[in-house]
Amino acid sequence: MRELLIALVVGIAVGMVFAVMRLPVPAPATLAGVLGIFGMYLGYKLVTWLL
């Protein structure tokens, strides 16, 4: 759980830096893009678990 909290805080900090520097966020701008990345992660984990 601590790992997730640290990841969230670092992500927020990086997002704030990108906003201050007026740079585009290096992440999908839509929920569909985020779900696509999450799906790739789940697919990878599923295959490694099956093998």
PDB file of N, CA and C in Angstrom:
ATOM      1  N   MET A   1       0.829  -1.197   0.000  1.00  0.00           N
ATOM      2  CA  MET A   1       0.000   0.000   0.000  1.00  0.00           C
ATOM      3  C   MET A   1       0.874   1.261   0.000  1.00  0.00           C
ATOM      4  N   ARG A   2       1.969   1.206   0.737  1.00  0.00           N
ATOM      5  CA  ARG A   2       2.877   2.356   0.796  1.00  0.00           C
ATOM      6  C   ARG A   2       3.434   2.661  -0.596  1.00  0.00           C
ATOM      7  N   GLU A   3       3.748   1.605  -1.327  1.00  0.00           N
ATOM      8  CA  GLU A   3       4.278   1.742  -2.683  1.00  0.00           C
ATOM      9  C   GLU A   3       3.288   2.482  -3.587  1.00  0.00           C
ATOM     10  N   LEU A   4       2.008   2.171  -3.458  1.00  0.00           N
ATOM     11  CA  LEU A   4       0.979   2.822  -4.273  1.00  0.00           C
ATOM     12  C   LEU A   4       0.859   4.299  -3.929  1.00  0.00           C
ATOM     13  N   LEU A   5       0.932   4.616  -2.650  1.00  0.00           N
ATOM     14  CA  LEU A   5       0.842   6.008  -2.205  1.00  0.00           C
ATOM     15  C   LEU A   5       2.032   6.817  -2.715  1.00  0.00           C
ATOM     16  N   ILE A   6       3.222   6.237  -2.633  1.00  0.00           N
ATOM     17  CA  ILE A   6       4.417   6.920  -3.135  1.00  0.00           C
ATOM     18  C   ILE A   6       4.292   7.157  -4.644  1.00  0.00           C
ATOM     19  N   ALA A   7       3.828   6.152  -5.379  1.00  0.00           N
ATOM     20  CA  ALA A   7       3.657   6.292  -6.826  1.00  0.00           C
ATOM     21  C   ALA A   7       2.659   7.400  -7.152  1.00  0.00           C
ATOM     22  N   LEU A   8       1.587   7.478  -6.400  1.00  0.00           N
ATOM     23  CA  LEU A   8       0.579   8.517  -6.625  1.00  0.00           C
ATOM     24  C   LEU A   8       1.154   9.903  -6.356  1.00  0.00           C
ATOM     25  N   VAL A   9       1.857  10.052  -5.245  1.00  0.00           N
ATOM     26  CA  VAL A   9       2.441  11.358  -4.891  1.00  0.00           C
ATOM     27  C   VAL A   9       3.468  11.791  -5.938  1.00  0.00           C
ATOM     28  N   VAL A  10       4.330  10.876  -6.357  1.00  0.00           N
ATOM     29  CA  VAL A  10       5.330  11.205  -7.377  1.00  0.00           C
ATOM     30  C   VAL A  10       4.642  11.561  -8.693  1.00  0.00           C
ATOM     31  N   GLY A  11       3.610  10.820  -9.055  1.00  0.00           N
ATOM     32  CA  GLY A  11       2.864  11.127 -10.278  1.00  0.00           C
ATOM     33  C   GLY A  11       2.235  12.499 -10.240  1.00  0.00           C
ATOM     34  N   ILE A  12       1.670  12.871  -9.109  1.00  0.00           N
ATOM     35  CA  ILE A  12       1.075  14.205  -8.964  1.00  0.00           C
ATOM     36  C   ILE A  12       2.149  15.272  -9.085  1.00  0.00           C
ATOM     37  N   ALA A  13       3.297  15.041  -8.436  1.00  0.00           N
ATOM     38  CA  ALA A  13       4.395  16.013  -8.494  1.00  0.00           C
ATOM     39  C   ALA A  13       4.893  16.187  -9.933  1.00  0.00           C
ATOM     40  N   VAL A  14       5.070  15.092 -10.638  1.00  0.00           N
ATOM     41  CA  VAL A  14       5.531  15.162 -12.030  1.00  0.00           C
ATOM     42  C   VAL A  14       4.493  15.881 -12.891  1.00  0.00           C
ATOM     43  N   GLY A  15       3.226  15.586 -12.676  1.00  0.00           N
ATOM     44  CA  GLY A  15       2.170  16.281 -13.413  1.00  0.00           C
ATOM     45  C   GLY A  15       2.183  17.777 -13.166  1.00  0.00           C
ATOM     46  N   MET A  16       2.450  18.170 -11.927  1.00  0.00           N
ATOM     47  CA  MET A  16       2.527  19.599 -11.596  1.00  0.00           C
ATOM     48  C   MET A  16       3.714  20.259 -12.291  1.00  0.00           C
ATOM     49  N   VAL A  17       4.853  19.574 -12.323  1.00  0.00           N
ATOM     50  CA  VAL A  17       6.040  20.113 -13.008  1.00  0.00           C
ATOM     51  C   VAL A  17       5.745  20.301 -14.490  1.00  0.00           C
ATOM     52  N   PHE A  18       5.103  19.324 -15.107  1.00  0.00           N
ATOM     53  CA  PHE A  18       4.762  19.434 -16.529  1.00  0.00           C
ATOM     54  C   PHE A  18       3.804  20.601 -16.758  1.00  0.00           C
ATOM     55  N   ALA A  19       2.864  20.805 -15.848  1.00  0.00           N
ATOM     56  CA  ALA A  19       1.913  21.907 -15.997  1.00  0.00           C
ATOM     57  C   ALA A  19       2.619  23.252 -15.871  1.00  0.00           C
ATOM     58  N   VAL A  20       3.519  23.390 -14.905  1.00  0.00           N
ATOM     59  CA  VAL A  20       4.251  24.642 -14.708  1.00  0.00           C
ATOM     60  C   VAL A  20       5.125  24.953 -15.920  1.00  0.00           C
ATOM     61  N   MET A  21       5.724  23.919 -16.485  1.00  0.00           N
ATOM     62  CA  MET A  21       6.591  24.105 -17.652  1.00  0.00           C
ATOM     63  C   MET A  21       5.795  24.183 -18.954  1.00  0.00           C
ATOM     64  N   ARG A  22       4.485  24.061 -18.852  1.00  0.00           N
ATOM     65  CA  ARG A  22       3.570  24.111 -20.003  1.00  0.00           C
ATOM     66  C   ARG A  22       3.919  23.068 -21.064  1.00  0.00           C
ATOM     67  N   LEU A  23       4.211  21.869 -20.598  1.00  0.00           N
ATOM     68  CA  LEU A  23       4.497  20.745 -21.476  1.00  0.00           C
ATOM     69  C   LEU A  23       3.302  19.804 -21.494  1.00  0.00           C
ATOM     70  N   PRO A  24       3.099  19.069 -22.571  1.00  0.00           N
ATOM     71  CA  PRO A  24       2.009  18.087 -22.593  1.00  0.00           C
ATOM     72  C   PRO A  24       2.336  16.919 -21.658  1.00  0.00           C
ATOM     73  N   VAL A  25       1.340  16.399 -21.038  1.00  0.00           N
ATOM     74  CA  VAL A  25       1.522  15.274 -20.117  1.00  0.00           C
ATOM     75  C   VAL A  25       1.912  14.034 -20.921  1.00  0.00           C
ATOM     76  N   PRO A  26       2.977  13.328 -20.495  1.00  0.00           N
ATOM     77  CA  PRO A  26       3.415  12.141 -21.251  1.00  0.00           C
ATOM     78  C   PRO A  26       2.588  10.910 -20.892  1.00  0.00           C
ATOM     79  N   ALA A  27       1.289  11.044 -21.005  1.00  0.00           N
ATOM     80  CA  ALA A  27       0.365   9.960 -20.679  1.00  0.00           C
ATOM     81  C   ALA A  27      -0.866  10.117 -21.567  1.00  0.00           C
ATOM     82  N   PRO A  28      -1.632   9.054 -21.718  1.00  0.00           N
ATOM     83  CA  PRO A  28      -2.858   9.170 -22.520  1.00  0.00           C
ATOM     84  C   PRO A  28      -3.792  10.233 -21.950  1.00  0.00           C
ATOM     85  N   ALA A  29      -4.356  11.020 -22.823  1.00  0.00           N
ATOM     86  CA  ALA A  29      -5.227  12.112 -22.392  1.00  0.00           C
ATOM     87  C   ALA A  29      -6.679  11.670 -22.181  1.00  0.00           C
ATOM     88  N   THR A  30      -6.977  10.413 -22.475  1.00  0.00           N
ATOM     89  CA  THR A  30      -8.348   9.942 -22.328  1.00  0.00           C
ATOM     90  C   THR A  30      -8.389   8.686 -21.460  1.00  0.00           C
ATOM     91  N   LEU A  31      -9.545   8.417 -20.933  1.00  0.00           N
ATOM     92  CA  LEU A  31      -9.728   7.211 -20.123  1.00  0.00           C
ATOM     93  C   LEU A  31      -9.481   5.959 -20.951  1.00  0.00           C
ATOM     94  N   ALA A  32      -9.849   5.998 -22.220  1.00  0.00           N
ATOM     95  CA  ALA A  32      -9.619   4.841 -23.092  1.00  0.00           C
ATOM     96  C   ALA A  32      -8.122   4.536 -23.203  1.00  0.00           C
ATOM     97  N   GLY A  33      -7.296   5.555 -23.282  1.00  0.00           N
ATOM     98  CA  GLY A  33      -5.852   5.347 -23.342  1.00  0.00           C
ATOM     99  C   GLY A  33      -5.309   4.740 -22.059  1.00  0.00           C
ATOM    100  N   VAL A  34      -5.793   5.223 -20.941  1.00  0.00           N
ATOM    101  CA  VAL A  34      -5.370   4.686 -19.644  1.00  0.00           C
ATOM    102  C   VAL A  34      -5.806   3.228 -19.515  1.00  0.00           C
ATOM    103  N   LEU A  35      -7.022   2.929 -19.933  1.00  0.00           N
ATOM    104  CA  LEU A  35      -7.502   1.546 -19.875  1.00  0.00           C
ATOM    105  C   LEU A  35      -6.715   0.643 -20.809  1.00  0.00           C
ATOM    106  N   GLY A  36      -6.270   1.173 -21.945  1.00  0.00           N
ATOM    107  CA  GLY A  36      -5.442   0.397 -22.862  1.00  0.00           C
ATOM    108  C   GLY A  36      -4.114   0.013 -22.215  1.00  0.00           C
ATOM    109  N   ILE A  37      -3.489   0.948 -21.530  1.00  0.00           N
ATOM    110  CA  ILE A  37      -2.239   0.656 -20.827  1.00  0.00           C
ATOM    111  C   ILE A  37      -2.482  -0.353 -19.715  1.00  0.00           C
ATOM    112  N   PHE A  38      -3.556  -0.183 -18.977  1.00  0.00           N
ATOM    113  CA  PHE A  38      -3.899  -1.116 -17.905  1.00  0.00           C
ATOM    114  C   PHE A  38      -4.163  -2.509 -18.480  1.00  0.00           C
ATOM    115  N   GLY A  39      -4.813  -2.577 -19.632  1.00  0.00           N
ATOM    116  CA  GLY A  39      -5.074  -3.856 -20.284  1.00  0.00           C
ATOM    117  C   GLY A  39      -3.792  -4.551 -20.708  1.00  0.00           C
ATOM    118  N   MET A  40      -2.823  -3.778 -21.207  1.00  0.00           N
ATOM    119  CA  MET A  40      -1.528  -4.371 -21.567  1.00  0.00           C
ATOM    120  C   MET A  40      -0.835  -4.948 -20.334  1.00  0.00           C
ATOM    121  N   TYR A  41      -0.907  -4.223 -19.239  1.00  0.00           N
ATOM    122  CA  TYR A  41      -0.303  -4.702 -17.990  1.00  0.00           C
ATOM    123  C   TYR A  41      -0.981  -5.997 -17.529  1.00  0.00           C
ATOM    124  N   LEU A  42      -2.298  -6.017 -17.564  1.00  0.00           N
ATOM    125  CA  LEU A  42      -3.025  -7.225 -17.142  1.00  0.00           C
ATOM    126  C   LEU A  42      -2.721  -8.399 -18.061  1.00  0.00           C
ATOM    127  N   GLY A  43      -2.650  -8.143 -19.364  1.00  0.00           N
ATOM    128  CA  GLY A  43      -2.312  -9.204 -20.307  1.00  0.00           C
ATOM    129  C   GLY A  43      -0.933  -9.771 -20.048  1.00  0.00           C
ATOM    130  N   TYR A  44       0.021  -8.908 -19.774  1.00  0.00           N
ATOM    131  CA  TYR A  44       1.382  -9.350 -19.464  1.00  0.00           C
ATOM    132  C   TYR A  44       1.392 -10.213 -18.204  1.00  0.00           C
ATOM    133  N   LYS A  45       0.725  -9.743 -17.169  1.00  0.00           N
ATOM    134  CA  LYS A  45       0.678 -10.486 -15.910  1.00  0.00           C
ATOM    135  C   LYS A  45      -0.018 -11.834 -16.090  1.00  0.00           C
ATOM    136  N   LEU A  46      -1.064 -11.869 -16.889  1.00  0.00           N
ATOM    137  CA  LEU A  46      -1.800 -13.108 -17.130  1.00  0.00           C
ATOM    138  C   LEU A  46      -0.916 -14.131 -17.814  1.00  0.00           C
ATOM    139  N   VAL A  47      -0.198 -13.712 -18.853  1.00  0.00           N
ATOM    140  CA  VAL A  47       0.668 -14.641 -19.591  1.00  0.00           C
ATOM    141  C   VAL A  47       1.803 -15.136 -18.697  1.00  0.00           C
ATOM    142  N   THR A  48       2.429 -14.241 -17.926  1.00  0.00           N
ATOM    143  CA  THR A  48       3.512 -14.673 -17.029  1.00  0.00           C
ATOM    144  C   THR A  48       2.982 -15.629 -15.960  1.00  0.00           C
ATOM    145  N   TRP A  49       1.762 -15.424 -15.527  1.00  0.00           N
ATOM    146  CA  TRP A  49       1.174 -16.316 -14.521  1.00  0.00           C
ATOM    147  C   TRP A  49       0.883 -17.694 -15.138  1.00  0.00           C
ATOM    148  N   LEU A  50       0.389 -17.694 -16.390  1.00  0.00           N
ATOM    149  CA  LEU A  50       0.064 -18.952 -17.050  1.00  0.00           C
ATOM    150  C   LEU A  50       1.301 -19.752 -17.430  1.00  0.00           C
ATOM    151  N   LEU A  51       2.377 -19.054 -17.758  1.00  0.00           N
ATOM    152  CA  LEU A  51       3.599 -19.740 -18.148  1.00  0.00           C
ATOM    153  C   LEU A  51       4.403 -20.075 -16.906  1.00  0.00           C
TER     154      LEU A  51
END
